[in-house]
C-alpha atoms as a PDB file:
ATOM      1  CA  MET A   1     101.941  32.182 139.723  1.00  0.00           C
ATOM      2  CA  ASN A   2     102.653  35.466 141.484  1.00  0.00           C
ATOM      3  CA  ASN A   3     105.929  35.860 139.604  1.00  0.00           C
ATOM      4  CA  ILE A   4     104.090  35.801 136.296  1.00  0.00           C
ATOM      5  CA  PHE A   5     101.827  38.667 137.351  1.00  0.00           C
ATOM      6  CA  LEU A   6     104.751  40.678 138.727  1.00  0.00           C
ATOM      7  CA  GLU A   7     106.700  40.219 135.513  1.00  0.00           C
ATOM      8  CA  GLU A   8     103.670  41.319 133.467  1.00  0.00           C
ATOM      9  CA  LYS A   9     103.236  44.415 135.656  1.00  0.00           C
ATOM     10  CA  ALA A  10     106.920  45.221 135.312  1.00  0.00           C
ATOM     11  CA  GLN A  11     106.718  44.760 131.555  1.00  0.00           C
ATOM     12  CA  ILE A  12     103.679  47.021 131.315  1.00  0.00           C
ATOM     13  CA  SER A  13     105.308  49.752 133.394  1.00  0.00           C
ATOM     14  CA  VAL A  14     108.499  49.645 131.300  1.00  0.00           C
ATOM     15  CA  GLU A  15     106.442  49.904 128.129  1.00  0.00           C
ATOM     16  CA  LEU A  16     104.443  52.757 129.655  1.00  0.00           C
ATOM     17  CA  ILE A  17     107.635  54.614 130.524  1.00  0.00           C
ATOM     18  CA  ILE A  18     108.906  54.189 126.954  1.00  0.00           C
ATOM     19  CA  VAL A  19     105.624  55.467 125.505  1.00  0.00           C
ATOM     20  CA  LEU A  20     105.575  58.436 127.891  1.00  0.00           C
ATOM     21  CA  ALA A  21     109.172  59.294 126.986  1.00  0.00           C
ATOM     22  CA  ALA A  22     108.255  59.225 123.293  1.00  0.00           C
ATOM     23  CA  VAL A  23     105.233  61.465 123.911  1.00  0.00           C
ATOM     24  CA  VAL A  24     107.354  63.938 125.881  1.00  0.00           C
ATOM     25  CA  ALA A  25     109.937  63.999 123.080  1.00  0.00           C
ATOM     26  CA  VAL A  26     107.250  64.718 120.467  1.00  0.00           C
ATOM     27  CA  VAL A  27     105.777  67.484 122.632  1.00  0.00           C
ATOM     28  CA  LEU A  28     109.193  69.085 123.069  1.00  0.00           C
ATOM     29  CA  ILE A  29     109.787  69.004 119.313  1.00  0.00           C
ATOM     30  CA  LEU A  30     106.381  70.577 118.644  1.00  0.00           C
ATOM     31  CA  VAL A  31     106.955  73.297 121.248  1.00  0.00           C
ATOM     32  CA  SER A  32     110.336  74.193 119.787  1.00  0.00           C
ATOM     33  CA  GLN A  33     108.853  74.356 116.279  1.00  0.00           C
ATOM     34  CA  LEU A  34     106.004  76.551 117.518  1.00  0.00           C
ATOM     35  CA  GLN A  35     108.494  78.881 119.193  1.00  0.00           C
ATOM     36  CA  ALA A  36     110.484  79.191 115.975  1.00  0.00           C
ATOM     37  CA  THR A  37     107.301  79.822 113.980  1.00  0.00           C
ATOM     38  CA  SER A  38     106.078  82.459 116.414  1.00  0.00           C
ATOM     39  CA  GLN A  39     109.450  84.184 116.309  1.00  0.00           C
ATOM     40  CA  GLN A  40     109.319  84.313 112.499  1.00  0.00           C
ATOM     41  CA  GLY A  41     105.750  85.617 112.649  1.00  0.00           C
ATOM     42  CA  SER A  42     106.766  88.290 115.121  1.00  0.00           C
ATOM     43  CA  GLN A  43     109.586  89.449 112.854  1.00  0.00           C
ATOM     44  CA  LYS A  44     107.258  89.640 109.842  1.00  0.00           C
ATOM     45  CA  LEU A  45     104.663  91.532 111.867  1.00  0.00           C
ATOM     46  CA  GLU A  46     107.304  93.978 113.051  1.00  0.00           C
ATOM     47  CA  LYS A  47     108.472  94.581 109.475  1.00  0.00           C
ATOM     48  CA  THR A  48     104.903  95.072 108.261  1.00  0.00           C
ATOM     49  CA  ALA A  49     104.231  97.547 111.075  1.00  0.00           C
ATOM     50  CA  GLU A  50     107.379  99.484 110.150  1.00  0.00           C
ATOM     51  CA  ASP A  51     106.280  99.593 106.503  1.00  0.00           C
ATOM     52  CA  VAL A  52     102.829 100.846 107.489  1.00  0.00           C
ATOM     53  CA  PHE A  53     104.288 103.584 109.696  1.00  0.00           C
ATOM     54  CA  LYS A  54     106.636 104.648 106.887  1.00  0.00           C
ATOM     55  CA  LYS A  55     103.667 104.930 104.508  1.00  0.00           C
ATOM     56  CA  ILE A  56     101.742 106.934 107.098  1.00  0.00           C
ATOM     57  CA  ASP A  57     104.741 109.266 107.498  1.00  0.00           C
ATOM     58  CA  ASP A  58     104.825 109.762 103.717  1.00  0.00           C
ATOM     59  CA  ILE A  59     101.214 110.936 103.746  1.00  0.00           C
END
């Protein structure tokens, strides 16, 4: 009887580890996408700021 409970606990912990690994993988993918998006946003903001300063210089 004890072996059944130990096997169920082991099965649950293995499944929990698999789920946690999947969650970590998804989080890492989201973080990398957010970093890429923020880098693109930073470049666009820098270009816009340069354009604004050029227009101010023209005035």
